[in-house]
PDB file of N, CA and C in Angstrom:
ATOM      1  N   MET A   1       0.874  -1.129   0.054  1.00  0.00           N
ATOM      2  CA  MET A   1      -0.054   0.094  -0.102  1.00  0.00           C
ATOM      3  C   MET A   1       0.824   1.271   0.167  1.00  0.00           C
ATOM      4  N   ALA A   2       0.617   2.208  -0.792  1.00  0.00           N
ATOM      5  CA  ALA A   2       1.378   3.374  -0.917  1.00  0.00           C
ATOM      6  C   ALA A   2       1.109   4.305   0.347  1.00  0.00           C
ATOM      7  N   ALA A   3       1.981   5.000   0.719  1.00  0.00           N
ATOM      8  CA  ALA A   3       1.996   5.808   1.918  1.00  0.00           C
ATOM      9  C   ALA A   3       0.682   6.640   2.097  1.00  0.00           C
ATOM     10  N   ASP A   4       0.359   7.326   1.071  1.00  0.00           N
ATOM     11  CA  ASP A   4      -1.004   8.158   1.207  1.00  0.00           C
ATOM     12  C   ASP A   4      -2.336   7.407   1.355  1.00  0.00           C
ATOM     13  N   GLU A   5      -2.182   6.191   0.701  1.00  0.00           N
ATOM     14  CA  GLU A   5      -3.324   5.300   0.735  1.00  0.00           C
ATOM     15  C   GLU A   5      -3.366   4.676   2.193  1.00  0.00           C
ATOM     16  N   LEU A   6      -2.215   4.336   2.925  1.00  0.00           N
ATOM     17  CA  LEU A   6      -2.042   3.747   4.023  1.00  0.00           C
ATOM     18  C   LEU A   6      -2.551   5.014   5.100  1.00  0.00           C
ATOM     19  N   LYS A   7      -2.110   6.033   4.884  1.00  0.00           N
ATOM     20  CA  LYS A   7      -2.439   7.174   5.904  1.00  0.00           C
ATOM     21  C   LYS A   7      -3.984   7.402   6.024  1.00  0.00           C
ATOM     22  N   SER A   8      -4.563   7.419   4.663  1.00  0.00           N
ATOM     23  CA  SER A   8      -6.018   7.525   4.760  1.00  0.00           C
ATOM     24  C   SER A   8      -6.859   6.288   5.438  1.00  0.00           C
ATOM     25  N   VAL A   9      -6.351   5.184   5.299  1.00  0.00           N
ATOM     26  CA  VAL A   9      -6.930   3.961   5.956  1.00  0.00           C
ATOM     27  C   VAL A   9      -6.728   3.977   7.527  1.00  0.00           C
ATOM     28  N   LEU A  10      -5.563   4.336   7.919  1.00  0.00           N
ATOM     29  CA  LEU A  10      -5.178   4.412   9.420  1.00  0.00           C
ATOM     30  C   LEU A  10      -6.086   5.686   9.944  1.00  0.00           C
ATOM     31  N   ASN A  11      -6.157   6.725   9.244  1.00  0.00           N
ATOM     32  CA  ASN A  11      -7.045   7.885   9.729  1.00  0.00           C
ATOM     33  C   ASN A  11      -8.464   7.393   9.984  1.00  0.00           C
ATOM     34  N   ARG A  12      -9.113   6.406   8.961  1.00  0.00           N
ATOM     35  CA  ARG A  12     -10.340   6.068   9.146  1.00  0.00           C
ATOM     36  C   ARG A  12     -10.379   5.031  10.351  1.00  0.00           C
ATOM     37  N   LEU A  13      -9.384   4.171  10.709  1.00  0.00           N
ATOM     38  CA  LEU A  13      -9.467   3.175  11.541  1.00  0.00           C
ATOM     39  C   LEU A  13      -9.075   3.964  13.066  1.00  0.00           C
ATOM     40  N   ARG A  14      -8.476   5.068  13.115  1.00  0.00           N
ATOM     41  CA  ARG A  14      -8.203   5.814  14.265  1.00  0.00           C
ATOM     42  C   ARG A  14      -9.653   6.540  14.775  1.00  0.00           C
ATOM     43  N   ARG A  15     -10.323   6.870  13.616  1.00  0.00           N
ATOM     44  CA  ARG A  15     -11.562   7.644  13.957  1.00  0.00           C
ATOM     45  C   ARG A  15     -12.611   6.521  14.479  1.00  0.00           C
ATOM     46  N   ALA A  16     -12.510   5.342  13.809  1.00  0.00           N
ATOM     47  CA  ALA A  16     -13.410   4.303  14.431  1.00  0.00           C
ATOM     48  C   ALA A  16     -13.073   3.966  15.931  1.00  0.00           C
ATOM     49  N   GLN A  17     -11.562   3.976  16.056  1.00  0.00           N
ATOM     50  CA  GLN A  17     -11.179   3.634  17.525  1.00  0.00           C
ATOM     51  C   GLN A  17     -11.776   4.492  18.575  1.00  0.00           C
ATOM     52  N   GLY A  18     -11.757   5.972  18.186  1.00  0.00           N
ATOM     53  CA  GLY A  18     -12.285   6.965  18.962  1.00  0.00           C
ATOM     54  C   GLY A  18     -13.861   6.906  19.051  1.00  0.00           C
ATOM     55  N   GLN A  19     -14.552   6.310  18.164  1.00  0.00           N
ATOM     56  CA  GLN A  19     -16.090   6.172  18.146  1.00  0.00           C
ATOM     57  C   GLN A  19     -16.234   4.852  19.105  1.00  0.00           C
ATOM     58  N   ILE A  20     -15.463   3.950  18.932  1.00  0.00           N
ATOM     59  CA  ILE A  20     -15.655   2.702  19.674  1.00  0.00           C
ATOM     60  C   ILE A  20     -15.510   3.132  21.262  1.00  0.00           C
ATOM     61  N   ALA A  21     -14.518   3.860  21.657  1.00  0.00           N
ATOM     62  CA  ALA A  21     -14.185   4.479  22.957  1.00  0.00           C
ATOM     63  C   ALA A  21     -15.381   5.138  23.549  1.00  0.00           C
ATOM     64  N   GLY A  22     -16.005   5.997  22.569  1.00  0.00           N
ATOM     65  CA  GLY A  22     -17.172   6.775  22.902  1.00  0.00           C
ATOM     66  C   GLY A  22     -18.532   5.748  23.123  1.00  0.00           C
ATOM     67  N   VAL A  23     -18.614   4.692  22.437  1.00  0.00           N
ATOM     68  CA  VAL A  23     -19.621   3.826  22.509  1.00  0.00           C
ATOM     69  C   VAL A  23     -19.361   3.328  23.999  1.00  0.00           C
ATOM     70  N   ILE A  24     -18.341   2.827  24.321  1.00  0.00           N
ATOM     71  CA  ILE A  24     -18.075   2.153  25.592  1.00  0.00           C
ATOM     72  C   ILE A  24     -18.473   3.151  26.748  1.00  0.00           C
ATOM     73  N   ARG A  25     -17.802   4.480  26.595  1.00  0.00           N
ATOM     74  CA  ARG A  25     -18.339   5.459  27.434  1.00  0.00           C
ATOM     75  C   ARG A  25     -19.837   5.481  27.756  1.00  0.00           C
ATOM     76  N   MET A  26     -20.581   5.629  26.509  1.00  0.00           N
ATOM     77  CA  MET A  26     -22.045   5.637  26.537  1.00  0.00           C
ATOM     78  C   MET A  26     -22.590   4.495  27.365  1.00  0.00           C
ATOM     79  N   ILE A  27     -22.274   3.471  27.041  1.00  0.00           N
ATOM     80  CA  ILE A  27     -22.691   2.286  27.578  1.00  0.00           C
ATOM     81  C   ILE A  27     -22.476   2.324  29.258  1.00  0.00           C
ATOM     82  N   GLU A  28     -21.201   2.628  29.526  1.00  0.00           N
ATOM     83  CA  GLU A  28     -20.825   2.830  31.040  1.00  0.00           C
ATOM     84  C   GLU A  28     -21.748   3.793  31.808  1.00  0.00           C
ATOM     85  N   GLU A  29     -22.074   4.909  31.182  1.00  0.00           N
ATOM     86  CA  GLU A  29     -22.816   5.957  31.644  1.00  0.00           C
ATOM     87  C   GLU A  29     -24.376   5.595  31.551  1.00  0.00           C
ATOM     88  N   GLY A  30     -24.766   4.333  30.907  1.00  0.00           N
ATOM     89  CA  GLY A  30     -26.123   4.055  30.948  1.00  0.00           C
ATOM     90  C   GLY A  30     -26.946   4.881  29.837  1.00  0.00           C
ATOM     91  N   ARG A  31     -26.345   5.363  28.863  1.00  0.00           N
ATOM     92  CA  ARG A  31     -27.065   6.279  27.951  1.00  0.00           C
ATOM     93  C   ARG A  31     -28.134   5.347  27.151  1.00  0.00           C
ATOM     94  N   ASP A  32     -29.103   6.080  26.487  1.00  0.00           N
ATOM     95  CA  ASP A  32     -30.206   5.580  25.823  1.00  0.00           C
ATOM     96  C   ASP A  32     -29.766   4.514  24.725  1.00  0.00           C
ATOM     97  N   CYS A  33     -30.398   3.289  24.647  1.00  0.00           N
ATOM     98  CA  CYS A  33     -30.016   2.415  23.842  1.00  0.00           C
ATOM     99  C   CYS A  33     -30.119   2.768  22.318  1.00  0.00           C
ATOM    100  N   GLU A  34     -30.939   3.548  21.888  1.00  0.00           N
ATOM    101  CA  GLU A  34     -31.096   4.261  20.604  1.00  0.00           C
ATOM    102  C   GLU A  34     -29.765   5.028  20.236  1.00  0.00           C
ATOM    103  N   GLU A  35     -29.520   5.839  21.186  1.00  0.00           N
ATOM    104  CA  GLU A  35     -27.922   6.515  21.077  1.00  0.00           C
ATOM    105  C   GLU A  35     -26.770   5.503  20.754  1.00  0.00           C
ATOM    106  N   VAL A  36     -26.772   4.662  21.548  1.00  0.00           N
ATOM    107  CA  VAL A  36     -25.706   3.586  21.417  1.00  0.00           C
ATOM    108  C   VAL A  36     -25.720   3.145  20.182  1.00  0.00           C
ATOM    109  N   ILE A  37     -26.721   2.398  19.779  1.00  0.00           N
ATOM    110  CA  ILE A  37     -26.844   1.702  18.317  1.00  0.00           C
ATOM    111  C   ILE A  37     -26.519   2.631  17.240  1.00  0.00           C
ATOM    112  N   THR A  38     -27.161   3.944  17.484  1.00  0.00           N
ATOM    113  CA  THR A  38     -26.637   4.873  16.158  1.00  0.00           C
ATOM    114  C   THR A  38     -25.152   5.065  16.121  1.00  0.00           C
ATOM    115  N   GLN A  39     -24.455   5.134  17.335  1.00  0.00           N
ATOM    116  CA  GLN A  39     -23.103   5.242  17.300  1.00  0.00           C
ATOM    117  C   GLN A  39     -22.535   3.957  16.852  1.00  0.00           C
ATOM    118  N   LEU A  40     -22.980   2.840  17.222  1.00  0.00           N
ATOM    119  CA  LEU A  40     -22.446   1.565  16.726  1.00  0.00           C
ATOM    120  C   LEU A  40     -22.412   1.393  15.295  1.00  0.00           C
ATOM    121  N   ALA A  41     -23.631   1.872  14.681  1.00  0.00           N
ATOM    122  CA  ALA A  41     -23.721   1.835  13.248  1.00  0.00           C
ATOM    123  C   ALA A  41     -22.766   2.660  12.482  1.00  0.00           C
ATOM    124  N   ALA A  42     -22.509   3.852  13.097  1.00  0.00           N
ATOM    125  CA  ALA A  42     -21.462   4.842  12.560  1.00  0.00           C
ATOM    126  C   ALA A  42     -20.107   4.096  12.517  1.00  0.00           C
ATOM    127  N   VAL A  43     -19.639   3.308  13.814  1.00  0.00           N
ATOM    128  CA  VAL A  43     -18.506   2.769  13.721  1.00  0.00           C
ATOM    129  C   VAL A  43     -18.426   1.543  12.763  1.00  0.00           C
ATOM    130  N   SER A  44     -19.540   0.846  12.547  1.00  0.00           N
ATOM    131  CA  SER A  44     -19.523  -0.217  11.585  1.00  0.00           C
ATOM    132  C   SER A  44     -19.131   0.353  10.039  1.00  0.00           C
ATOM    133  N   ARG A  45     -19.989   1.511   9.842  1.00  0.00           N
ATOM    134  CA  ARG A  45     -19.648   2.097   8.400  1.00  0.00           C
ATOM    135  C   ARG A  45     -18.297   2.519   8.295  1.00  0.00           C
ATOM    136  N   ALA A  46     -17.531   2.934   9.371  1.00  0.00           N
ATOM    137  CA  ALA A  46     -16.343   3.533   9.346  1.00  0.00           C
ATOM    138  C   ALA A  46     -15.321   2.366   8.975  1.00  0.00           C
ATOM    139  N   LEU A  47     -15.542   1.251   9.661  1.00  0.00           N
ATOM    140  CA  LEU A  47     -14.610  -0.028   9.533  1.00  0.00           C
ATOM    141  C   LEU A  47     -14.989  -0.495   8.236  1.00  0.00           C
ATOM    142  N   ASP A  48     -16.303  -0.381   7.761  1.00  0.00           N
ATOM    143  CA  ASP A  48     -16.554  -1.009   6.362  1.00  0.00           C
ATOM    144  C   ASP A  48     -15.683  -0.101   5.218  1.00  0.00           C
ATOM    145  N   ARG A  49     -15.764   1.199   5.467  1.00  0.00           N
ATOM    146  CA  ARG A  49     -15.017   2.097   4.427  1.00  0.00           C
ATOM    147  C   ARG A  49     -13.437   1.676   4.518  1.00  0.00           C
ATOM    148  N   ALA A  50     -12.888   1.558   5.661  1.00  0.00           N
ATOM    149  CA  ALA A  50     -11.532   1.214   5.720  1.00  0.00           C
ATOM    150  C   ALA A  50     -11.353   0.110   4.969  1.00  0.00           C
ATOM    151  N   GLY A  51     -11.961  -1.063   5.050  1.00  0.00           N
ATOM    152  CA  GLY A  51     -11.905  -2.443   4.295  1.00  0.00           C
ATOM    153  C   GLY A  51     -12.198  -2.172   3.045  1.00  0.00           C
ATOM    154  N   PHE A  52     -13.152  -1.383   2.577  1.00  0.00           N
ATOM    155  CA  PHE A  52     -13.329  -1.296   1.098  1.00  0.00           C
ATOM    156  C   PHE A  52     -12.054  -0.652   0.542  1.00  0.00           C
ATOM    157  N   ALA A  53     -11.528   0.456   1.253  1.00  0.00           N
ATOM    158  CA  ALA A  53     -10.408   1.258   0.667  1.00  0.00           C
ATOM    159  C   ALA A  53      -9.326   0.202   0.542  1.00  0.00           C
ATOM    160  N   ILE A  54      -9.018  -0.622   1.516  1.00  0.00           N
ATOM    161  CA  ILE A  54      -7.966  -1.585   1.290  1.00  0.00           C
ATOM    162  C   ILE A  54      -8.252  -2.463   0.047  1.00  0.00           C
ATOM    163  N   ILE A  55      -9.367  -3.026   0.057  1.00  0.00           N
ATOM    164  CA  ILE A  55      -9.724  -3.890  -1.178  1.00  0.00           C
ATOM    165  C   ILE A  55      -9.424  -3.111  -2.549  1.00  0.00           C
ATOM    166  N   ALA A  56     -10.042  -1.884  -2.513  1.00  0.00           N
ATOM    167  CA  ALA A  56      -9.995  -1.113  -3.688  1.00  0.00           C
ATOM    168  C   ALA A  56      -8.482  -0.971  -4.096  1.00  0.00           C
ATOM    169  N   THR A  57      -7.691  -0.606  -3.114  1.00  0.00           N
ATOM    170  CA  THR A  57      -6.164  -0.450  -3.437  1.00  0.00           C
ATOM    171  C   THR A  57      -5.668  -1.910  -3.933  1.00  0.00           C
ATOM    172  N   GLY A  58      -5.956  -2.820  -3.280  1.00  0.00           N
ATOM    173  CA  GLY A  58      -5.470  -4.245  -3.783  1.00  0.00           C
ATOM    174  C   GLY A  58      -5.910  -4.519  -5.271  1.00  0.00           C
ATOM    175  N   LEU A  59      -7.166  -4.063  -5.535  1.00  0.00           N
ATOM    176  CA  LEU A  59      -7.526  -4.195  -7.054  1.00  0.00           C
ATOM    177  C   LEU A  59      -6.776  -3.324  -7.956  1.00  0.00           C
ATOM    178  N   GLN A  60      -6.421  -2.014  -7.413  1.00  0.00           N
ATOM    179  CA  GLN A  60      -5.673  -1.303  -8.422  1.00  0.00           C
ATOM    180  C   GLN A  60      -4.294  -1.845  -8.573  1.00  0.00           C
ATOM    181  N   HIS A  61      -3.751  -2.391  -7.396  1.00  0.00           N
ATOM    182  CA  HIS A  61      -2.301  -2.760  -7.713  1.00  0.00           C
ATOM    183  C   HIS A  61      -2.321  -4.106  -8.311  1.00  0.00           C
ATOM    184  N   CYS A  62      -3.399  -5.036  -8.158  1.00  0.00           N
ATOM    185  CA  CYS A  62      -3.426  -6.197  -8.842  1.00  0.00           C
ATOM    186  C   CYS A  62      -3.617  -6.150 -10.393  1.00  0.00           C
ATOM    187  N   MET A  63      -4.605  -5.208 -10.636  1.00  0.00           N
ATOM    188  CA  MET A  63      -4.779  -5.030 -12.210  1.00  0.00           C
ATOM    189  C   MET A  63      -3.745  -4.244 -12.900  1.00  0.00           C
ATOM    190  N   ALA A  64      -2.939  -3.568 -12.070  1.00  0.00           N
ATOM    191  CA  ALA A  64      -1.872  -2.677 -12.772  1.00  0.00           C
ATOM    192  C   ALA A  64      -0.588  -3.593 -13.028  1.00  0.00           C
ATOM    193  N   GLU A  65      -0.365  -4.663 -12.455  1.00  0.00           N
ATOM    194  CA  GLU A  65       0.721  -5.673 -12.726  1.00  0.00           C
ATOM    195  C   GLU A  65       0.452  -6.322 -13.921  1.00  0.00           C
ATOM    196  N   GLU A  66       1.327  -5.885 -15.011  1.00  0.00           N
ATOM    197  CA  GLU A  66       1.221  -6.510 -16.401  1.00  0.00           C
ATOM    198  C   GLU A  66       1.798  -7.686 -16.464  1.00  0.00           C
ATOM    199  N   GLY A  67       2.814  -7.938 -15.585  1.00  0.00           N
ATOM    200  CA  GLY A  67       3.541  -9.225 -15.757  1.00  0.00           C
ATOM    201  C   GLY A  67       2.896 -10.530 -15.295  1.00  0.00           C
ATOM    202  N   GLN A  68       1.786 -10.368 -14.773  1.00  0.00           N
ATOM    203  CA  GLN A  68       1.001 -11.478 -14.212  1.00  0.00           C
ATOM    204  C   GLN A  68       0.520 -12.470 -15.314  1.00  0.00           C
ATOM    205  N   VAL A  69       0.601 -13.757 -15.203  1.00  0.00           N
ATOM    206  CA  VAL A  69      -0.025 -14.578 -16.030  1.00  0.00           C
ATOM    207  C   VAL A  69      -1.615 -14.697 -15.666  1.00  0.00           C
ATOM    208  N   ASP A  70      -2.368 -15.041 -16.672  1.00  0.00           N
ATOM    209  CA  ASP A  70      -3.750 -15.133 -16.368  1.00  0.00           C
ATOM    210  C   ASP A  70      -4.334 -15.945 -15.319  1.00  0.00           C
ATOM    211  N   GLY A  71      -3.677 -17.048 -14.931  1.00  0.00           N
ATOM    212  CA  GLY A  71      -4.011 -17.897 -13.944  1.00  0.00           C
ATOM    213  C   GLY A  71      -3.847 -17.022 -12.536  1.00  0.00           C
ATOM    214  N   ASP A  72      -2.666 -16.454 -12.267  1.00  0.00           N
ATOM    215  CA  ASP A  72      -2.472 -15.741 -11.126  1.00  0.00           C
ATOM    216  C   ASP A  72      -3.397 -14.411 -11.011  1.00  0.00           C
ATOM    217  N   ARG A  73      -3.684 -13.732 -12.235  1.00  0.00           N
ATOM    218  CA  ARG A  73      -4.609 -12.779 -12.190  1.00  0.00           C
ATOM    219  C   ARG A  73      -6.115 -13.098 -11.822  1.00  0.00           C
ATOM    220  N   ASP A  74      -6.323 -14.443 -12.150  1.00  0.00           N
ATOM    221  CA  ASP A  74      -7.779 -15.044 -11.930  1.00  0.00           C
ATOM    222  C   ASP A  74      -7.800 -15.287 -10.431  1.00  0.00           C
ATOM    223  N   ARG A  75      -6.783 -15.896 -10.060  1.00  0.00           N
ATOM    224  CA  ARG A  75      -6.729 -16.274  -8.561  1.00  0.00           C
ATOM    225  C   ARG A  75      -6.801 -15.123  -7.716  1.00  0.00           C
ATOM    226  N   MET A  76      -6.057 -14.060  -7.937  1.00  0.00           N
ATOM    227  CA  MET A  76      -5.950 -12.787  -7.217  1.00  0.00           C
ATOM    228  C   MET A  76      -7.401 -12.107  -7.343  1.00  0.00           C
ATOM    229  N   ARG A  77      -8.050 -12.104  -8.346  1.00  0.00           N
ATOM    230  CA  ARG A  77      -9.244 -11.516  -8.624  1.00  0.00           C
ATOM    231  C   ARG A  77     -10.374 -12.412  -7.744  1.00  0.00           C
ATOM    232  N   ALA A  78     -10.117 -13.494  -7.727  1.00  0.00           N
ATOM    233  CA  ALA A  78     -11.314 -14.427  -6.807  1.00  0.00           C
ATOM    234  C   ALA A  78     -10.890 -14.139  -5.313  1.00  0.00           C
ATOM    235  N   ARG A  79      -9.610 -14.078  -4.977  1.00  0.00           N
ATOM    236  CA  ARG A  79      -9.464 -13.715  -3.611  1.00  0.00           C
ATOM    237  C   ARG A  79      -9.865 -12.313  -3.185  1.00  0.00           C
ATOM    238  N   LEU A  80      -9.633 -11.271  -3.979  1.00  0.00           N
ATOM    239  CA  LEU A  80     -10.207  -9.915  -3.790  1.00  0.00           C
ATOM    240  C   LEU A  80     -11.657  -9.933  -3.602  1.00  0.00           C
ATOM    241  N   GLU A  81     -12.347 -10.787  -4.589  1.00  0.00           N
ATOM    242  CA  GLU A  81     -13.795 -10.638  -4.826  1.00  0.00           C
ATOM    243  C   GLU A  81     -14.402 -11.314  -3.256  1.00  0.00           C
ATOM    244  N   LYS A  82     -13.788 -12.399  -2.867  1.00  0.00           N
ATOM    245  CA  LYS A  82     -14.010 -13.063  -1.658  1.00  0.00           C
ATOM    246  C   LYS A  82     -14.034 -11.953  -0.404  1.00  0.00           C
ATOM    247  N   LEU A  83     -12.833 -11.436  -0.370  1.00  0.00           N
ATOM    248  CA  LEU A  83     -12.695 -10.389   0.554  1.00  0.00           C
ATOM    249  C   LEU A  83     -13.741  -9.220   0.436  1.00  0.00           C
ATOM    250  N   PHE A  84     -14.074  -8.642  -0.787  1.00  0.00           N
ATOM    251  CA  PHE A  84     -15.122  -7.646  -0.881  1.00  0.00           C
ATOM    252  C   PHE A  84     -16.408  -8.226  -0.327  1.00  0.00           C
ATOM    253  N   LEU A  85     -16.766  -9.435  -0.640  1.00  0.00           N
ATOM    254  CA  LEU A  85     -18.067 -10.040  -0.180  1.00  0.00           C
ATOM    255  C   LEU A  85     -18.146 -10.182   1.202  1.00  0.00           C
ATOM    256  N   SER A  86     -17.042 -10.520   1.864  1.00  0.00           N
ATOM    257  CA  SER A  86     -16.990 -10.647   3.263  1.00  0.00           C
ATOM    258  C   SER A  86     -17.248  -9.315   4.031  1.00  0.00           C
ATOM    259  N   LEU A  87     -17.149  -8.258   3.388  1.00  0.00           N
ATOM    260  CA  LEU A  87     -17.371  -6.940   3.993  1.00  0.00           C
ATOM    261  C   LEU A  87     -19.117  -6.461   3.560  1.00  0.00           C
ATOM    262  N   ALA A  88     -19.468  -7.143   2.651  1.00  0.00           N
ATOM    263  CA  ALA A  88     -20.834  -6.800   2.059  1.00  0.00           C
ATOM    264  C   ALA A  88     -21.889  -7.367   3.041  1.00  0.00           C
TER     265      ALA A  88
END
């Protein structure tokens, strides 16, 4: 992963980490269930976006490699598709 791509993913993950800490605090404080669930949904979306960014980067690098033989490219595409579907 390139440095700028890595930085973007790390920022997303750090943001999600902060959101998770906030959710834990909310639960400890006995906050309303609806508020907690809303924040959990936001964390889930942030993690999904980080995962999609990683997969998209992998796709770019995979498809950009011209030296790959068709079998390797097909296996890589299948692996990336499986990863993508695991997040869907």
